[in-house]
Amino acid sequence: MSESVPERPRANFVAALNVRRNAVRGFGFSLLFTATVLAVFVVLPGTRQPMPYYLALAFVLVTSLGALATTVLTLVSAYRLARETDLD
């Protein structure tokens, strides 16, 4: 039983899937998308509603879209890693 067991398997798994890079890209995309939506639908046409309502909706859009984009990018990374491992 002298198998080589990684000291931090969960950290190695997260690193192999590039979760941190995917999170930065996912939330960066969601910030740009949300800023565009706010500019096109709120700021440019003008609004009569209080701005905190729109900021709260923007927060929800950023967090949910960022989480979704991060999940999708991580799934793509997992798929690529699985295919790479199968080919070896």
PDB file of N, CA and C in Angstrom:
ATOM      1  N   MET A   1       0.811  -1.171   0.000  1.00  0.00           N
ATOM      2  CA  MET A   1       0.000   0.000   0.000  1.00  0.00           C
ATOM      3  C   MET A   1       0.863   1.246   0.000  1.00  0.00           C
ATOM      4  N   SER A   2       1.799   1.283  -0.876  1.00  0.00           N
ATOM      5  CA  SER A   2       2.668   2.453  -0.965  1.00  0.00           C
ATOM      6  C   SER A   2       2.298   3.318  -2.158  1.00  0.00           C
ATOM      7  N   GLU A   3       0.982   3.488  -2.346  1.00  0.00           N
ATOM      8  CA  GLU A   3       0.520   4.324  -3.454  1.00  0.00           C
ATOM      9  C   GLU A   3       0.821   5.781  -3.165  1.00  0.00           C
ATOM     10  N   SER A   4       1.041   6.521  -4.227  1.00  0.00           N
ATOM     11  CA  SER A   4       1.307   7.943  -4.092  1.00  0.00           C
ATOM     12  C   SER A   4      -0.016   8.691  -4.003  1.00  0.00           C
ATOM     13  N   VAL A   5      -0.369   9.099  -2.799  1.00  0.00           N
ATOM     14  CA  VAL A   5      -1.614   9.818  -2.571  1.00  0.00           C
ATOM     15  C   VAL A   5      -1.280  11.303  -2.451  1.00  0.00           C
ATOM     16  N   PRO A   6      -1.937  12.153  -3.242  1.00  0.00           N
ATOM     17  CA  PRO A   6      -1.659  13.582  -3.131  1.00  0.00           C
ATOM     18  C   PRO A   6      -2.014  14.091  -1.737  1.00  0.00           C
ATOM     19  N   GLU A   7      -1.251  15.046  -1.270  1.00  0.00           N
ATOM     20  CA  GLU A   7      -1.483  15.594   0.057  1.00  0.00           C
ATOM     21  C   GLU A   7      -2.797  16.367   0.126  1.00  0.00           C
ATOM     22  N   ARG A   8      -3.126  17.078  -0.921  1.00  0.00           N
ATOM     23  CA  ARG A   8      -4.341  17.895  -0.953  1.00  0.00           C
ATOM     24  C   ARG A   8      -5.139  17.540  -2.199  1.00  0.00           C
ATOM     25  N   PRO A   9      -5.898  16.455  -2.175  1.00  0.00           N
ATOM     26  CA  PRO A   9      -6.596  16.027  -3.400  1.00  0.00           C
ATOM     27  C   PRO A   9      -7.626  17.032  -3.891  1.00  0.00           C
ATOM     28  N   ARG A  10      -8.348  17.676  -2.976  1.00  0.00           N
ATOM     29  CA  ARG A  10      -9.374  18.629  -3.399  1.00  0.00           C
ATOM     30  C   ARG A  10      -8.747  19.851  -4.054  1.00  0.00           C
ATOM     31  N   ALA A  11      -7.653  20.333  -3.500  1.00  0.00           N
ATOM     32  CA  ALA A  11      -6.965  21.491  -4.085  1.00  0.00           C
ATOM     33  C   ALA A  11      -6.371  21.133  -5.439  1.00  0.00           C
ATOM     34  N   ASN A  12      -5.846  19.925  -5.559  1.00  0.00           N
ATOM     35  CA  ASN A  12      -5.304  19.487  -6.844  1.00  0.00           C
ATOM     36  C   ASN A  12      -6.402  19.356  -7.896  1.00  0.00           C
ATOM     37  N   PHE A  13      -7.566  18.885  -7.474  1.00  0.00           N
ATOM     38  CA  PHE A  13      -8.698  18.748  -8.386  1.00  0.00           C
ATOM     39  C   PHE A  13      -9.172  20.112  -8.879  1.00  0.00           C
ATOM     40  N   VAL A  14      -9.276  21.064  -7.965  1.00  0.00           N
ATOM     41  CA  VAL A  14      -9.689  22.425  -8.322  1.00  0.00           C
ATOM     42  C   VAL A  14      -8.665  23.061  -9.253  1.00  0.00           C
ATOM     43  N   ALA A  15      -7.397  22.824  -8.981  1.00  0.00           N
ATOM     44  CA  ALA A  15      -6.344  23.385  -9.841  1.00  0.00           C
ATOM     45  C   ALA A  15      -6.367  22.747 -11.222  1.00  0.00           C
ATOM     46  N   ALA A  16      -6.624  21.447 -11.285  1.00  0.00           N
ATOM     47  CA  ALA A  16      -6.656  20.758 -12.580  1.00  0.00           C
ATOM     48  C   ALA A  16      -7.814  21.251 -13.444  1.00  0.00           C
ATOM     49  N   LEU A  17      -8.910  21.637 -12.812  1.00  0.00           N
ATOM     50  CA  LEU A  17     -10.074  22.120 -13.567  1.00  0.00           C
ATOM     51  C   LEU A  17     -10.020  23.620 -13.837  1.00  0.00           C
ATOM     52  N   ASN A  18      -8.989  24.295 -13.353  1.00  0.00           N
ATOM     53  CA  ASN A  18      -8.831  25.739 -13.567  1.00  0.00           C
ATOM     54  C   ASN A  18     -10.036  26.525 -13.056  1.00  0.00           C
ATOM     55  N   VAL A  19     -10.504  26.186 -11.870  1.00  0.00           N
ATOM     56  CA  VAL A  19     -11.704  26.822 -11.327  1.00  0.00           C
ATOM     57  C   VAL A  19     -11.481  28.313 -11.097  1.00  0.00           C
ATOM     58  N   ARG A  20     -10.340  28.680 -10.569  1.00  0.00           N
ATOM     59  CA  ARG A  20     -10.084  30.103 -10.294  1.00  0.00           C
ATOM     60  C   ARG A  20     -10.088  30.916 -11.596  1.00  0.00           C
ATOM     61  N   ARG A  21      -9.419  30.418 -12.617  1.00  0.00           N
ATOM     62  CA  ARG A  21      -9.392  31.121 -13.905  1.00  0.00           C
ATOM     63  C   ARG A  21     -10.800  31.202 -14.495  1.00  0.00           C
ATOM     64  N   ASN A  22     -11.550  30.105 -14.388  1.00  0.00           N
ATOM     65  CA  ASN A  22     -12.916  30.094 -14.911  1.00  0.00           C
ATOM     66  C   ASN A  22     -13.811  31.064 -14.145  1.00  0.00           C
ATOM     67  N   ALA A  23     -13.606  31.184 -12.844  1.00  0.00           N
ATOM     68  CA  ALA A  23     -14.399  32.128 -12.049  1.00  0.00           C
ATOM     69  C   ALA A  23     -14.091  33.562 -12.441  1.00  0.00           C
ATOM     70  N   VAL A  24     -12.825  33.859 -12.657  1.00  0.00           N
ATOM     71  CA  VAL A  24     -12.457  35.222 -13.073  1.00  0.00           C
ATOM     72  C   VAL A  24     -13.082  35.545 -14.426  1.00  0.00           C
ATOM     73  N   ARG A  25     -12.994  34.616 -15.345  1.00  0.00           N
ATOM     74  CA  ARG A  25     -13.595  34.838 -16.673  1.00  0.00           C
ATOM     75  C   ARG A  25     -15.116  34.922 -16.605  1.00  0.00           C
ATOM     76  N   GLY A  26     -15.732  34.025 -15.846  1.00  0.00           N
ATOM     77  CA  GLY A  26     -17.190  34.002 -15.735  1.00  0.00           C
ATOM     78  C   GLY A  26     -17.754  35.258 -15.116  1.00  0.00           C
ATOM     79  N   PHE A  27     -17.153  35.694 -14.016  1.00  0.00           N
ATOM     80  CA  PHE A  27     -17.662  36.897 -13.356  1.00  0.00           C
ATOM     81  C   PHE A  27     -17.255  38.163 -14.108  1.00  0.00           C
ATOM     82  N   GLY A  28     -16.140  38.122 -14.811  1.00  0.00           N
ATOM     83  CA  GLY A  28     -15.786  39.256 -15.673  1.00  0.00           C
ATOM     84  C   GLY A  28     -16.807  39.428 -16.787  1.00  0.00           C
ATOM     85  N   PHE A  29     -17.179  38.307 -17.401  1.00  0.00           N
ATOM     86  CA  PHE A  29     -18.209  38.347 -18.444  1.00  0.00           C
ATOM     87  C   PHE A  29     -19.526  38.856 -17.871  1.00  0.00           C
ATOM     88  N   SER A  30     -19.902  38.377 -16.677  1.00  0.00           N
ATOM     89  CA  SER A  30     -21.183  38.789 -16.107  1.00  0.00           C
ATOM     90  C   SER A  30     -21.187  40.273 -15.747  1.00  0.00           C
ATOM     91  N   LEU A  31     -20.058  40.803 -15.302  1.00  0.00           N
ATOM     92  CA  LEU A  31     -19.985  42.240 -15.026  1.00  0.00           C
ATOM     93  C   LEU A  31     -20.152  43.066 -16.298  1.00  0.00           C
ATOM     94  N   LEU A  32     -19.472  42.662 -17.359  1.00  0.00           N
ATOM     95  CA  LEU A  32     -19.607  43.386 -18.631  1.00  0.00           C
ATOM     96  C   LEU A  32     -21.032  43.293 -19.176  1.00  0.00           C
ATOM     97  N   PHE A  33     -21.617  42.114 -19.103  1.00  0.00           N
ATOM     98  CA  PHE A  33     -22.975  41.920 -19.592  1.00  0.00           C
ATOM     99  C   PHE A  33     -23.969  42.763 -18.791  1.00  0.00           C
ATOM    100  N   THR A  34     -23.821  42.755 -17.472  1.00  0.00           N
ATOM    101  CA  THR A  34     -24.723  43.527 -16.620  1.00  0.00           C
ATOM    102  C   THR A  34     -24.563  45.023 -16.851  1.00  0.00           C
ATOM    103  N   ALA A  35     -23.339  45.486 -17.008  1.00  0.00           N
ATOM    104  CA  ALA A  35     -23.121  46.906 -17.296  1.00  0.00           C
ATOM    105  C   ALA A  35     -23.776  47.292 -18.620  1.00  0.00           C
ATOM    106  N   THR A  36     -23.685  46.421 -19.610  1.00  0.00           N
ATOM    107  CA  THR A  36     -24.318  46.682 -20.901  1.00  0.00           C
ATOM    108  C   THR A  36     -25.834  46.730 -20.772  1.00  0.00           C
ATOM    109  N   VAL A  37     -26.394  45.770 -20.040  1.00  0.00           N
ATOM    110  CA  VAL A  37     -27.850  45.741 -19.849  1.00  0.00           C
ATOM    111  C   VAL A  37     -28.314  47.000 -19.125  1.00  0.00           C
ATOM    112  N   LEU A  38     -27.604  47.407 -18.076  1.00  0.00           N
ATOM    113  CA  LEU A  38     -27.985  48.631 -17.364  1.00  0.00           C
ATOM    114  C   LEU A  38     -27.878  49.860 -18.253  1.00  0.00           C
ATOM    115  N   ALA A  39     -26.828  49.920 -19.042  1.00  0.00           N
ATOM    116  CA  ALA A  39     -26.653  51.083 -19.915  1.00  0.00           C
ATOM    117  C   ALA A  39     -27.748  51.151 -20.970  1.00  0.00           C
ATOM    118  N   VAL A  40     -28.056  50.025 -21.587  1.00  0.00           N
ATOM    119  CA  VAL A  40     -29.018  50.016 -22.692  1.00  0.00           C
ATOM    120  C   VAL A  40     -30.453  50.189 -22.210  1.00  0.00           C
ATOM    121  N   PHE A  41     -30.804  49.545 -21.095  1.00  0.00           N
ATOM    122  CA  PHE A  41     -32.209  49.542 -20.690  1.00  0.00           C
ATOM    123  C   PHE A  41     -32.552  50.502 -19.556  1.00  0.00           C
ATOM    124  N   VAL A  42     -31.549  51.052 -18.864  1.00  0.00           N
ATOM    125  CA  VAL A  42     -31.854  51.914 -17.723  1.00  0.00           C
ATOM    126  C   VAL A  42     -31.287  53.321 -17.919  1.00  0.00           C
ATOM    127  N   VAL A  43     -29.992  53.409 -18.175  1.00  0.00           N
ATOM    128  CA  VAL A  43     -29.338  54.717 -18.195  1.00  0.00           C
ATOM    129  C   VAL A  43     -29.666  55.494 -19.467  1.00  0.00           C
ATOM    130  N   LEU A  44     -29.512  54.885 -20.628  1.00  0.00           N
ATOM    131  CA  LEU A  44     -29.738  55.608 -21.883  1.00  0.00           C
ATOM    132  C   LEU A  44     -31.181  56.065 -22.060  1.00  0.00           C
ATOM    133  N   PRO A  45     -32.179  55.203 -21.868  1.00  0.00           N
ATOM    134  CA  PRO A  45     -33.545  55.694 -22.038  1.00  0.00           C
ATOM    135  C   PRO A  45     -34.045  56.531 -20.863  1.00  0.00           C
ATOM    136  N   GLY A  46     -33.356  56.487 -19.764  1.00  0.00           N
ATOM    137  CA  GLY A  46     -33.813  57.210 -18.575  1.00  0.00           C
ATOM    138  C   GLY A  46     -34.810  56.369 -17.812  1.00  0.00           C
ATOM    139  N   THR A  47     -34.929  56.647 -16.547  1.00  0.00           N
ATOM    140  CA  THR A  47     -35.869  55.878 -15.732  1.00  0.00           C
ATOM    141  C   THR A  47     -36.500  56.776 -14.684  1.00  0.00           C
ATOM    142  N   ARG A  48     -37.694  56.415 -14.300  1.00  0.00           N
ATOM    143  CA  ARG A  48     -38.386  57.169 -13.258  1.00  0.00           C
ATOM    144  C   ARG A  48     -38.358  56.421 -11.930  1.00  0.00           C
ATOM    145  N   GLN A  49     -37.913  55.193 -11.965  1.00  0.00           N
ATOM    146  CA  GLN A  49     -37.834  54.386 -10.749  1.00  0.00           C
ATOM    147  C   GLN A  49     -36.555  54.710  -9.987  1.00  0.00           C
ATOM    148  N   PRO A  50     -36.549  54.503  -8.681  1.00  0.00           N
ATOM    149  CA  PRO A  50     -35.331  54.735  -7.894  1.00  0.00           C
ATOM    150  C   PRO A  50     -34.194  53.808  -8.333  1.00  0.00           C
ATOM    151  N   MET A  51     -32.997  54.348  -8.401  1.00  0.00           N
ATOM    152  CA  MET A  51     -31.845  53.592  -8.872  1.00  0.00           C
ATOM    153  C   MET A  51     -31.470  52.394  -7.991  1.00  0.00           C
ATOM    154  N   PRO A  52     -31.694  52.421  -6.669  1.00  0.00           N
ATOM    155  CA  PRO A  52     -31.332  51.238  -5.866  1.00  0.00           C
ATOM    156  C   PRO A  52     -32.035  49.958  -6.305  1.00  0.00           C
ATOM    157  N   TYR A  53     -33.245  50.070  -6.847  1.00  0.00           N
ATOM    158  CA  TYR A  53     -33.921  48.883  -7.345  1.00  0.00           C
ATOM    159  C   TYR A  53     -33.137  48.257  -8.498  1.00  0.00           C
ATOM    160  N   TYR A  54     -32.675  49.087  -9.391  1.00  0.00           N
ATOM    161  CA  TYR A  54     -31.914  48.586 -10.532  1.00  0.00           C
ATOM    162  C   TYR A  54     -30.547  48.050 -10.108  1.00  0.00           C
ATOM    163  N   LEU A  55     -29.955  48.674  -9.101  1.00  0.00           N
ATOM    164  CA  LEU A  55     -28.675  48.174  -8.606  1.00  0.00           C
ATOM    165  C   LEU A  55     -28.840  46.813  -7.936  1.00  0.00           C
ATOM    166  N   ALA A  56     -29.954  46.619  -7.238  1.00  0.00           N
ATOM    167  CA  ALA A  56     -30.220  45.311  -6.633  1.00  0.00           C
ATOM    168  C   ALA A  56     -30.431  44.255  -7.717  1.00  0.00           C
ATOM    169  N   LEU A  57     -31.162  44.602  -8.757  1.00  0.00           N
ATOM    170  CA  LEU A  57     -31.347  43.668  -9.872  1.00  0.00           C
ATOM    171  C   LEU A  57     -30.026  43.388 -10.581  1.00  0.00           C
ATOM    172  N   ALA A  58     -29.188  44.396 -10.694  1.00  0.00           N
ATOM    173  CA  ALA A  58     -27.875  44.208 -11.307  1.00  0.00           C
ATOM    174  C   ALA A  58     -27.023  43.251 -10.477  1.00  0.00           C
ATOM    175  N   PHE A  59     -27.080  43.385  -9.152  1.00  0.00           N
ATOM    176  CA  PHE A  59     -26.338  42.474  -8.288  1.00  0.00           C
ATOM    177  C   PHE A  59     -26.789  41.031  -8.486  1.00  0.00           C
ATOM    178  N   VAL A  60     -28.090  40.835  -8.558  1.00  0.00           N
ATOM    179  CA  VAL A  60     -28.626  39.486  -8.775  1.00  0.00           C
ATOM    180  C   VAL A  60     -28.174  38.951 -10.129  1.00  0.00           C
ATOM    181  N   LEU A  61     -28.207  39.783 -11.155  1.00  0.00           N
ATOM    182  CA  LEU A  61     -27.789  39.349 -12.478  1.00  0.00           C
ATOM    183  C   LEU A  61     -26.300  39.008 -12.503  1.00  0.00           C
ATOM    184  N   VAL A  62     -25.472  39.818 -11.871  1.00  0.00           N
ATOM    185  CA  VAL A  62     -24.026  39.559 -11.848  1.00  0.00           C
ATOM    186  C   VAL A  62     -23.730  38.245 -11.140  1.00  0.00           C
ATOM    187  N   THR A  63     -24.320  38.031  -9.972  1.00  0.00           N
ATOM    188  CA  THR A  63     -23.998  36.828  -9.214  1.00  0.00           C
ATOM    189  C   THR A  63     -24.533  35.562  -9.882  1.00  0.00           C
ATOM    190  N   SER A  64     -25.761  35.612 -10.369  1.00  0.00           N
ATOM    191  CA  SER A  64     -26.321  34.404 -10.979  1.00  0.00           C
ATOM    192  C   SER A  64     -25.661  34.092 -12.320  1.00  0.00           C
ATOM    193  N   LEU A  65     -25.454  35.095 -13.142  1.00  0.00           N
ATOM    194  CA  LEU A  65     -24.810  34.864 -14.432  1.00  0.00           C
ATOM    195  C   LEU A  65     -23.347  34.482 -14.253  1.00  0.00           C
ATOM    196  N   GLY A  66     -22.683  35.079 -13.271  1.00  0.00           N
ATOM    197  CA  GLY A  66     -21.292  34.722 -12.991  1.00  0.00           C
ATOM    198  C   GLY A  66     -21.162  33.280 -12.536  1.00  0.00           C
ATOM    199  N   ALA A  67     -22.065  32.849 -11.668  1.00  0.00           N
ATOM    200  CA  ALA A  67     -22.043  31.458 -11.210  1.00  0.00           C
ATOM    201  C   ALA A  67     -22.347  30.495 -12.350  1.00  0.00           C
ATOM    202  N   LEU A  68     -23.300  30.851 -13.185  1.00  0.00           N
ATOM    203  CA  LEU A  68     -23.637  29.999 -14.329  1.00  0.00           C
ATOM    204  C   LEU A  68     -22.473  29.907 -15.310  1.00  0.00           C
ATOM    205  N   ALA A  69     -21.866  31.029 -15.635  1.00  0.00           N
ATOM    206  CA  ALA A  69     -20.741  31.025 -16.572  1.00  0.00           C
ATOM    207  C   ALA A  69     -19.550  30.262 -15.995  1.00  0.00           C
ATOM    208  N   THR A  70     -19.288  30.414 -14.710  1.00  0.00           N
ATOM    209  CA  THR A  70     -18.202  29.677 -14.066  1.00  0.00           C
ATOM    210  C   THR A  70     -18.467  28.180 -14.120  1.00  0.00           C
ATOM    211  N   THR A  71     -19.696  27.783 -13.859  1.00  0.00           N
ATOM    212  CA  THR A  71     -20.051  26.367 -13.914  1.00  0.00           C
ATOM    213  C   THR A  71     -19.869  25.807 -15.312  1.00  0.00           C
ATOM    214  N   VAL A  72     -20.336  26.527 -16.307  1.00  0.00           N
ATOM    215  CA  VAL A  72     -20.211  26.050 -17.688  1.00  0.00           C
ATOM    216  C   VAL A  72     -18.737  25.948 -18.088  1.00  0.00           C
ATOM    217  N   LEU A  73     -17.937  26.953 -17.767  1.00  0.00           N
ATOM    218  CA  LEU A  73     -16.520  26.912 -18.113  1.00  0.00           C
ATOM    219  C   LEU A  73     -15.795  25.785 -17.386  1.00  0.00           C
ATOM    220  N   THR A  74     -16.160  25.519 -16.141  1.00  0.00           N
ATOM    221  CA  THR A  74     -15.539  24.432 -15.395  1.00  0.00           C
ATOM    222  C   THR A  74     -15.956  23.077 -15.955  1.00  0.00           C
ATOM    223  N   LEU A  75     -17.199  22.955 -16.382  1.00  0.00           N
ATOM    224  CA  LEU A  75     -17.637  21.710 -17.026  1.00  0.00           C
ATOM    225  C   LEU A  75     -16.881  21.464 -18.331  1.00  0.00           C
ATOM    226  N   VAL A  76     -16.639  22.523 -19.082  1.00  0.00           N
ATOM    227  CA  VAL A  76     -15.848  22.390 -20.312  1.00  0.00           C
ATOM    228  C   VAL A  76     -14.426  21.960 -19.973  1.00  0.00           C
ATOM    229  N   SER A  77     -13.854  22.527 -18.926  1.00  0.00           N
ATOM    230  CA  SER A  77     -12.511  22.128 -18.498  1.00  0.00           C
ATOM    231  C   SER A  77     -12.486  20.663 -18.071  1.00  0.00           C
ATOM    232  N   ALA A  78     -13.520  20.230 -17.346  1.00  0.00           N
ATOM    233  CA  ALA A  78     -13.595  18.833 -16.917  1.00  0.00           C
ATOM    234  C   ALA A  78     -13.717  17.899 -18.112  1.00  0.00           C
ATOM    235  N   TYR A  79     -14.526  18.286 -19.082  1.00  0.00           N
ATOM    236  CA  TYR A  79     -14.688  17.467 -20.286  1.00  0.00           C
ATOM    237  C   TYR A  79     -13.361  17.343 -21.037  1.00  0.00           C
ATOM    238  N   ARG A  80     -12.668  18.454 -21.185  1.00  0.00           N
ATOM    239  CA  ARG A  80     -11.377  18.416 -21.882  1.00  0.00           C
ATOM    240  C   ARG A  80     -10.356  17.582 -21.123  1.00  0.00           C
ATOM    241  N   LEU A  81     -10.347  17.699 -19.811  1.00  0.00           N
ATOM    242  CA  LEU A  81      -9.417  16.914 -19.008  1.00  0.00           C
ATOM    243  C   LEU A  81      -9.749  15.420 -19.088  1.00  0.00           C
ATOM    244  N   ALA A  82     -11.036  15.092 -19.099  1.00  0.00           N
ATOM    245  CA  ALA A  82     -11.433  13.692 -19.215  1.00  0.00           C
ATOM    246  C   ALA A  82     -11.051  13.124 -20.580  1.00  0.00           C
ATOM    247  N   ARG A  83     -11.254  13.910 -21.635  1.00  0.00           N
ATOM    248  CA  ARG A  83     -10.873  13.426 -22.964  1.00  0.00           C
ATOM    249  C   ARG A  83      -9.360  13.271 -23.071  1.00  0.00           C
ATOM    250  N   GLU A  84      -8.624  14.197 -22.483  1.00  0.00           N
ATOM    251  CA  GLU A  84      -7.170  14.131 -22.512  1.00  0.00           C
ATOM    252  C   GLU A  84      -6.678  12.900 -21.766  1.00  0.00           C
ATOM    253  N   THR A  85      -7.319  12.570 -20.659  1.00  0.00           N
ATOM    254  CA  THR A  85      -6.945  11.422 -19.858  1.00  0.00           C
ATOM    255  C   THR A  85      -7.310  10.126 -20.570  1.00  0.00           C
ATOM    256  N   ASP A  86      -8.448  10.096 -21.268  1.00  0.00           N
ATOM    257  CA  ASP A  86      -8.869   8.900 -21.994  1.00  0.00           C
ATOM    258  C   ASP A  86      -7.944   8.584 -23.155  1.00  0.00           C
ATOM    259  N   LEU A  87      -7.379   9.598 -23.770  1.00  0.00           N
ATOM    260  CA  LEU A  87      -6.519   9.384 -24.923  1.00  0.00           C
ATOM    261  C   LEU A  87      -5.158   8.832 -24.537  1.00  0.00           C
ATOM    262  N   ASP A  88      -4.764   9.018 -23.285  1.00  0.00           N
ATOM    263  CA  ASP A  88      -3.456   8.528 -22.851  1.00  0.00           C
ATOM    264  C   ASP A  88      -3.443   7.057 -22.601  1.00  0.00           C
TER     265      ASP A  88
END
